[in-house]
Amino acid sequence: MANAKRLKQLSFSMANKAGLLSEVATAISNAKVNINSICAYESENIAYFKLTMDSPAKAKKALAKLKIWATEDDLVAVEMPNKVGQLQKVAKKISDAGLNISYVYGTTGTGRSSICMLKTSDNRTAIREINK
């Protein structure tokens, strides 16, 4: 059974350069903040980051020292069994509620559960429908 909850995410973009991930991770680490999930990619020389962590406020402050202006977004964190068809069940519940999924990222790791981060057109309703 899937369990969904609201989570804060920091998002930002900037010109891509060698060492950027190291610079970002160092700033957050030096602020004593643990990164729980990350999605980072480059498109047309712009680096895009989406991160969840144990203290978004502290991380945002640390990034500001590097002139990185992060926005704080709400998203849905869904923990589910690491079994065939679990993401399909979650996606179906969201679809049946008439909601759009803007993006998703996640991992199964090597454990018995997987975690996906989702941004939907109505996160509150998505959480309610997933947890039914």
N, C-alpha and C. Protein backbone atom coordinates (compact mmCIF):
# COMPACT_ATOMS: atom_id res chain seq x y z
N MET A 1 0.84 -1.18 0.00
CA MET A 1 0.00 0.00 0.00
C MET A 1 0.88 1.24 0.00
N ALA A 2 0.54 2.21 -0.82
CA ALA A 2 1.30 3.45 -0.93
C ALA A 2 0.91 4.42 0.18
N ASN A 3 1.88 5.22 0.59
CA ASN A 3 1.65 6.25 1.59
C ASN A 3 2.19 7.56 1.04
N ALA A 4 1.30 8.56 0.93
CA ALA A 4 1.70 9.85 0.36
C ALA A 4 1.67 10.92 1.44
N LYS A 5 2.61 11.87 1.31
CA LYS A 5 2.63 13.01 2.22
C LYS A 5 3.16 14.24 1.49
N ARG A 6 2.87 15.39 2.05
CA ARG A 6 3.34 16.66 1.51
C ARG A 6 4.80 16.86 1.90
N LEU A 7 5.56 17.41 0.97
CA LEU A 7 6.98 17.63 1.21
C LEU A 7 7.38 18.94 0.54
N LYS A 8 8.37 19.62 1.09
CA LYS A 8 8.92 20.84 0.49
C LYS A 8 10.13 20.48 -0.36
N GLN A 9 10.25 21.18 -1.47
CA GLN A 9 11.35 20.97 -2.40
C GLN A 9 11.94 22.33 -2.76
N LEU A 10 13.23 22.39 -2.90
CA LEU A 10 13.88 23.59 -3.41
C LEU A 10 14.17 23.38 -4.89
N SER A 11 13.87 24.39 -5.70
CA SER A 11 14.13 24.34 -7.14
C SER A 11 14.91 25.59 -7.53
N PHE A 12 15.86 25.39 -8.43
CA PHE A 12 16.60 26.54 -8.96
C PHE A 12 17.28 26.13 -10.25
N SER A 13 17.68 27.14 -11.02
CA SER A 13 18.42 26.90 -12.25
C SER A 13 19.49 27.97 -12.37
N MET A 14 20.52 27.62 -13.12
CA MET A 14 21.64 28.55 -13.32
C MET A 14 22.49 28.06 -14.48
N ALA A 15 23.40 28.89 -14.93
CA ALA A 15 24.30 28.48 -16.00
C ALA A 15 25.10 27.26 -15.55
N ASN A 16 25.18 26.28 -16.41
CA ASN A 16 25.92 25.07 -16.08
C ASN A 16 27.42 25.31 -16.21
N LYS A 17 28.18 24.66 -15.35
CA LYS A 17 29.64 24.73 -15.42
C LYS A 17 30.22 23.51 -14.73
N ALA A 18 31.45 23.20 -15.04
CA ALA A 18 32.13 22.08 -14.40
C ALA A 18 32.21 22.35 -12.90
N GLY A 19 31.88 21.35 -12.09
CA GLY A 19 31.98 21.48 -10.64
C GLY A 19 30.75 22.04 -9.96
N LEU A 20 29.69 22.33 -10.72
CA LEU A 20 28.50 22.96 -10.13
C LEU A 20 27.84 22.06 -9.08
N LEU A 21 27.68 20.79 -9.37
CA LEU A 21 27.07 19.88 -8.39
C LEU A 21 27.90 19.84 -7.11
N SER A 22 29.20 19.80 -7.25
CA SER A 22 30.08 19.80 -6.09
C SER A 22 29.90 21.08 -5.27
N GLU A 23 29.81 22.19 -5.95
CA GLU A 23 29.63 23.49 -5.28
C GLU A 23 28.30 23.53 -4.51
N VAL A 24 27.23 23.08 -5.14
CA VAL A 24 25.92 23.06 -4.50
C VAL A 24 25.91 22.10 -3.31
N ALA A 25 26.43 20.89 -3.52
CA ALA A 25 26.44 19.89 -2.45
C ALA A 25 27.31 20.34 -1.27
N THR A 26 28.42 21.00 -1.56
CA THR A 26 29.29 21.50 -0.50
C THR A 26 28.58 22.56 0.33
N ALA A 27 27.91 23.50 -0.31
CA ALA A 27 27.19 24.56 0.42
C ALA A 27 26.13 23.97 1.34
N ILE A 28 25.39 22.99 0.83
CA ILE A 28 24.33 22.38 1.63
C ILE A 28 24.93 21.54 2.76
N SER A 29 25.97 20.81 2.46
CA SER A 29 26.65 20.00 3.47
C SER A 29 27.24 20.87 4.58
N ASN A 30 27.87 21.97 4.19
CA ASN A 30 28.46 22.88 5.18
C ASN A 30 27.40 23.49 6.10
N ALA A 31 26.16 23.56 5.63
CA ALA A 31 25.05 24.06 6.45
C ALA A 31 24.47 22.96 7.33
N LYS A 32 25.09 21.77 7.28
CA LYS A 32 24.66 20.61 8.08
C LYS A 32 23.24 20.16 7.71
N VAL A 33 22.94 20.21 6.42
CA VAL A 33 21.64 19.79 5.90
C VAL A 33 21.84 18.53 5.08
N ASN A 34 20.98 17.54 5.30
CA ASN A 34 21.03 16.29 4.56
C ASN A 34 20.10 16.35 3.35
N ILE A 35 20.63 16.04 2.18
CA ILE A 35 19.82 15.96 0.96
C ILE A 35 19.16 14.59 0.94
N ASN A 36 17.82 14.57 0.84
CA ASN A 36 17.08 13.31 0.81
C ASN A 36 16.80 12.83 -0.61
N SER A 37 16.60 13.76 -1.52
CA SER A 37 16.41 13.38 -2.93
C SER A 37 16.88 14.53 -3.80
N ILE A 38 17.31 14.17 -5.01
CA ILE A 38 17.79 15.19 -5.95
C ILE A 38 17.46 14.77 -7.37
N CYS A 39 17.06 15.75 -8.13
CA CYS A 39 16.91 15.62 -9.58
C CYS A 39 17.67 16.80 -10.16
N ALA A 40 18.70 16.55 -10.92
CA ALA A 40 19.50 17.61 -11.51
C ALA A 40 19.84 17.21 -12.94
N TYR A 41 19.70 18.16 -13.84
CA TYR A 41 19.99 17.88 -15.23
C TYR A 41 20.35 19.18 -15.95
N GLU A 42 20.93 19.03 -17.14
CA GLU A 42 21.34 20.17 -17.95
C GLU A 42 20.58 20.15 -19.26
N SER A 43 20.16 21.32 -19.67
CA SER A 43 19.51 21.47 -20.98
C SER A 43 19.94 22.82 -21.55
N GLU A 44 20.55 22.78 -22.72
CA GLU A 44 21.01 23.98 -23.41
C GLU A 44 21.87 24.86 -22.50
N ASN A 45 22.79 24.22 -21.78
CA ASN A 45 23.76 24.85 -20.91
C ASN A 45 23.18 25.50 -19.66
N ILE A 46 21.95 25.16 -19.30
CA ILE A 46 21.33 25.60 -18.06
C ILE A 46 21.19 24.36 -17.17
N ALA A 47 21.64 24.48 -15.92
CA ALA A 47 21.51 23.39 -14.94
C ALA A 47 20.23 23.62 -14.15
N TYR A 48 19.43 22.57 -14.02
CA TYR A 48 18.17 22.61 -13.27
C TYR A 48 18.30 21.66 -12.09
N PHE A 49 17.89 22.13 -10.92
CA PHE A 49 17.96 21.35 -9.70
C PHE A 49 16.61 21.30 -9.01
N LYS A 50 16.27 20.14 -8.45
CA LYS A 50 15.12 19.94 -7.57
C LYS A 50 15.64 19.06 -6.44
N LEU A 51 15.52 19.56 -5.20
CA LEU A 51 16.06 18.84 -4.05
C LEU A 51 15.07 18.83 -2.90
N THR A 52 15.02 17.72 -2.19
CA THR A 52 14.33 17.69 -0.90
C THR A 52 15.39 17.43 0.15
N MET A 53 15.16 17.97 1.34
CA MET A 53 16.16 17.86 2.40
C MET A 53 15.50 17.99 3.75
N ASP A 54 16.29 17.75 4.80
CA ASP A 54 15.72 17.80 6.14
C ASP A 54 15.50 19.22 6.65
N SER A 55 16.08 20.23 6.02
CA SER A 55 15.86 21.63 6.42
C SER A 55 15.94 22.55 5.20
N PRO A 56 14.83 22.70 4.48
CA PRO A 56 14.85 23.56 3.30
C PRO A 56 15.26 25.00 3.61
N ALA A 57 14.85 25.53 4.76
CA ALA A 57 15.18 26.92 5.10
C ALA A 57 16.69 27.11 5.25
N LYS A 58 17.35 26.20 5.95
CA LYS A 58 18.80 26.29 6.12
C LYS A 58 19.52 26.12 4.77
N ALA A 59 19.03 25.22 3.95
CA ALA A 59 19.65 25.00 2.64
C ALA A 59 19.47 26.23 1.75
N LYS A 60 18.29 26.81 1.78
CA LYS A 60 18.01 28.00 0.98
C LYS A 60 18.94 29.14 1.38
N LYS A 61 19.17 29.30 2.67
CA LYS A 61 20.07 30.34 3.18
C LYS A 61 21.51 30.07 2.72
N ALA A 62 21.94 28.81 2.78
CA ALA A 62 23.28 28.45 2.34
C ALA A 62 23.46 28.70 0.85
N LEU A 63 22.46 28.37 0.05
CA LEU A 63 22.54 28.59 -1.39
C LEU A 63 22.55 30.08 -1.73
N ALA A 64 21.82 30.88 -0.96
CA ALA A 64 21.79 32.33 -1.21
C ALA A 64 23.19 32.95 -1.09
N LYS A 65 24.02 32.38 -0.23
CA LYS A 65 25.40 32.87 -0.10
C LYS A 65 26.18 32.69 -1.39
N LEU A 66 25.75 31.73 -2.22
CA LEU A 66 26.38 31.49 -3.52
C LEU A 66 25.66 32.24 -4.64
N LYS A 67 24.73 33.10 -4.26
CA LYS A 67 23.90 33.85 -5.22
C LYS A 67 22.99 32.93 -6.02
N ILE A 68 22.56 31.83 -5.36
CA ILE A 68 21.60 30.90 -5.95
C ILE A 68 20.26 31.18 -5.27
N TRP A 69 19.29 31.60 -6.04
CA TRP A 69 17.97 31.96 -5.51
C TRP A 69 17.00 30.82 -5.77
N ALA A 70 16.79 30.01 -4.75
CA ALA A 70 15.93 28.83 -4.86
C ALA A 70 14.50 29.18 -4.47
N THR A 71 13.57 28.54 -5.14
CA THR A 71 12.16 28.66 -4.76
C THR A 71 11.76 27.41 -4.00
N GLU A 72 10.80 27.57 -3.11
CA GLU A 72 10.30 26.46 -2.32
C GLU A 72 8.96 26.03 -2.90
N ASP A 73 8.85 24.76 -3.24
CA ASP A 73 7.63 24.22 -3.84
C ASP A 73 7.09 23.09 -2.98
N ASP A 74 5.78 22.90 -3.05
CA ASP A 74 5.16 21.73 -2.43
C ASP A 74 5.13 20.61 -3.45
N LEU A 75 5.35 19.40 -2.99
CA LEU A 75 5.18 18.24 -3.84
C LEU A 75 4.69 17.08 -3.01
N VAL A 76 4.47 15.98 -3.66
CA VAL A 76 3.94 14.78 -3.02
C VAL A 76 5.05 13.73 -2.99
N ALA A 77 5.37 13.24 -1.80
CA ALA A 77 6.32 12.14 -1.65
C ALA A 77 5.50 10.88 -1.43
N VAL A 78 5.70 9.90 -2.28
CA VAL A 78 4.93 8.65 -2.20
C VAL A 78 5.89 7.50 -1.92
N GLU A 79 5.69 6.86 -0.75
CA GLU A 79 6.45 5.66 -0.44
C GLU A 79 5.55 4.48 -0.74
N MET A 80 6.11 3.52 -1.45
CA MET A 80 5.33 2.35 -1.86
C MET A 80 6.21 1.12 -1.88
N PRO A 81 5.60 -0.06 -1.84
CA PRO A 81 6.40 -1.28 -1.92
C PRO A 81 7.19 -1.33 -3.22
N ASN A 82 8.38 -1.88 -3.17
CA ASN A 82 9.22 -2.04 -4.34
C ASN A 82 8.80 -3.31 -5.07
N LYS A 83 7.64 -3.23 -5.72
CA LYS A 83 7.06 -4.37 -6.43
C LYS A 83 6.51 -3.91 -7.77
N VAL A 84 6.41 -4.83 -8.68
CA VAL A 84 5.85 -4.56 -10.00
C VAL A 84 4.44 -3.98 -9.86
N GLY A 85 4.18 -2.89 -10.60
CA GLY A 85 2.83 -2.34 -10.70
C GLY A 85 2.48 -1.27 -9.67
N GLN A 86 3.35 -1.01 -8.71
CA GLN A 86 3.01 -0.05 -7.67
C GLN A 86 2.89 1.38 -8.20
N LEU A 87 3.81 1.81 -9.05
CA LEU A 87 3.72 3.14 -9.63
C LEU A 87 2.47 3.25 -10.50
N GLN A 88 2.14 2.19 -11.21
CA GLN A 88 0.93 2.20 -12.04
C GLN A 88 -0.30 2.45 -11.20
N LYS A 89 -0.38 1.81 -10.02
CA LYS A 89 -1.53 2.00 -9.13
C LYS A 89 -1.63 3.44 -8.65
N VAL A 90 -0.51 4.02 -8.29
CA VAL A 90 -0.50 5.41 -7.83
C VAL A 90 -0.89 6.35 -8.97
N ALA A 91 -0.30 6.15 -10.15
CA ALA A 91 -0.61 6.99 -11.30
C ALA A 91 -2.08 6.89 -11.69
N LYS A 92 -2.66 5.71 -11.56
CA LYS A 92 -4.08 5.50 -11.89
C LYS A 92 -4.97 6.27 -10.92
N LYS A 93 -4.65 6.23 -9.63
CA LYS A 93 -5.44 6.98 -8.64
C LYS A 93 -5.41 8.47 -8.96
N ILE A 94 -4.24 8.97 -9.32
CA ILE A 94 -4.12 10.39 -9.65
C ILE A 94 -4.90 10.71 -10.92
N SER A 95 -4.77 9.85 -11.93
CA SER A 95 -5.50 10.03 -13.18
C SER A 95 -7.01 9.97 -12.97
N ASP A 96 -7.46 8.99 -12.19
CA ASP A 96 -8.90 8.84 -11.93
C ASP A 96 -9.47 10.05 -11.20
N ALA A 97 -8.63 10.77 -10.46
CA ALA A 97 -9.08 11.99 -9.77
C ALA A 97 -9.07 13.20 -10.71
N GLY A 98 -8.67 12.98 -11.98
CA GLY A 98 -8.66 14.06 -12.96
C GLY A 98 -7.48 15.00 -12.81
N LEU A 99 -6.41 14.53 -12.19
CA LEU A 99 -5.25 15.38 -11.94
C LEU A 99 -4.14 15.11 -12.95
N ASN A 100 -3.37 16.15 -13.22
CA ASN A 100 -2.22 16.04 -14.11
C ASN A 100 -0.95 15.91 -13.28
N ILE A 101 -0.02 15.10 -13.74
CA ILE A 101 1.30 14.99 -13.12
C ILE A 101 2.28 15.81 -13.95
N SER A 102 2.86 16.82 -13.35
CA SER A 102 3.81 17.69 -14.06
C SER A 102 5.16 17.02 -14.22
N TYR A 103 5.63 16.35 -13.16
CA TYR A 103 6.88 15.61 -13.22
C TYR A 103 6.93 14.61 -12.08
N VAL A 104 7.83 13.65 -12.24
CA VAL A 104 8.06 12.64 -11.20
C VAL A 104 9.53 12.24 -11.25
N TYR A 105 10.10 12.01 -10.09
CA TYR A 105 11.43 11.42 -10.00
C TYR A 105 11.47 10.56 -8.75
N GLY A 106 12.32 9.56 -8.73
CA GLY A 106 12.36 8.69 -7.57
C GLY A 106 13.38 7.59 -7.73
N THR A 107 13.36 6.69 -6.74
CA THR A 107 14.28 5.57 -6.76
C THR A 107 13.71 4.41 -5.95
N THR A 108 14.15 3.24 -6.29
CA THR A 108 13.78 2.07 -5.50
C THR A 108 14.88 1.70 -4.53
N GLY A 109 16.10 2.15 -4.80
CA GLY A 109 17.21 1.73 -3.95
C GLY A 109 17.30 0.21 -3.99
N THR A 110 17.72 -0.38 -2.90
CA THR A 110 17.82 -1.83 -2.84
C THR A 110 16.90 -2.41 -1.78
N GLY A 111 16.09 -1.57 -1.19
CA GLY A 111 15.22 -2.01 -0.10
C GLY A 111 13.87 -2.52 -0.56
N ARG A 112 12.99 -2.65 0.40
CA ARG A 112 11.65 -3.17 0.14
C ARG A 112 10.67 -2.10 -0.31
N SER A 113 11.09 -0.83 -0.24
CA SER A 113 10.19 0.24 -0.66
C SER A 113 10.87 1.16 -1.65
N SER A 114 10.05 1.92 -2.34
CA SER A 114 10.54 2.93 -3.27
C SER A 114 9.89 4.25 -2.89
N ILE A 115 10.50 5.33 -3.31
CA ILE A 115 9.95 6.65 -3.04
C ILE A 115 9.96 7.44 -4.34
N CYS A 116 8.82 8.04 -4.65
CA CYS A 116 8.71 8.90 -5.81
C CYS A 116 8.26 10.28 -5.36
N MET A 117 8.82 11.30 -5.98
CA MET A 117 8.42 12.69 -5.75
C MET A 117 7.59 13.11 -6.95
N LEU A 118 6.40 13.61 -6.70
CA LEU A 118 5.49 14.01 -7.77
C LEU A 118 5.02 15.44 -7.57
N LYS A 119 4.92 16.18 -8.65
CA LYS A 119 4.28 17.49 -8.66
C LYS A 119 3.02 17.31 -9.49
N THR A 120 1.86 17.58 -8.86
CA THR A 120 0.59 17.39 -9.56
C THR A 120 -0.16 18.72 -9.65
N SER A 121 -1.25 18.70 -10.39
CA SER A 121 -2.06 19.90 -10.52
C SER A 121 -2.81 20.23 -9.24
N ASP A 122 -2.92 19.27 -8.32
CA ASP A 122 -3.56 19.49 -7.02
C ASP A 122 -2.98 18.48 -6.04
N ASN A 123 -1.90 18.87 -5.39
CA ASN A 123 -1.18 17.94 -4.50
C ASN A 123 -2.03 17.46 -3.33
N ARG A 124 -2.86 18.33 -2.77
CA ARG A 124 -3.70 17.95 -1.63
C ARG A 124 -4.66 16.82 -2.02
N THR A 125 -5.30 16.97 -3.17
CA THR A 125 -6.21 15.92 -3.64
C THR A 125 -5.44 14.65 -3.98
N ALA A 126 -4.28 14.79 -4.58
CA ALA A 126 -3.47 13.62 -4.92
C ALA A 126 -3.12 12.83 -3.66
N ILE A 127 -2.71 13.51 -2.61
CA ILE A 127 -2.37 12.84 -1.36
C ILE A 127 -3.59 12.10 -0.80
N ARG A 128 -4.72 12.77 -0.80
CA ARG A 128 -5.94 12.15 -0.30
C ARG A 128 -6.30 10.90 -1.10
N GLU A 129 -6.23 10.98 -2.41
CA GLU A 129 -6.60 9.83 -3.26
C GLU A 129 -5.60 8.68 -3.14
N ILE A 130 -4.32 9.00 -3.06
CA ILE A 130 -3.31 7.94 -2.92
C ILE A 130 -3.46 7.21 -1.59
N ASN A 131 -3.79 7.95 -0.55
CA ASN A 131 -3.88 7.35 0.80
C ASN A 131 -5.21 6.64 1.07
N LYS A 132 -6.14 6.65 0.12
CA LYS A 132 -7.43 5.95 0.32
C LYS A 132 -7.22 4.46 0.41
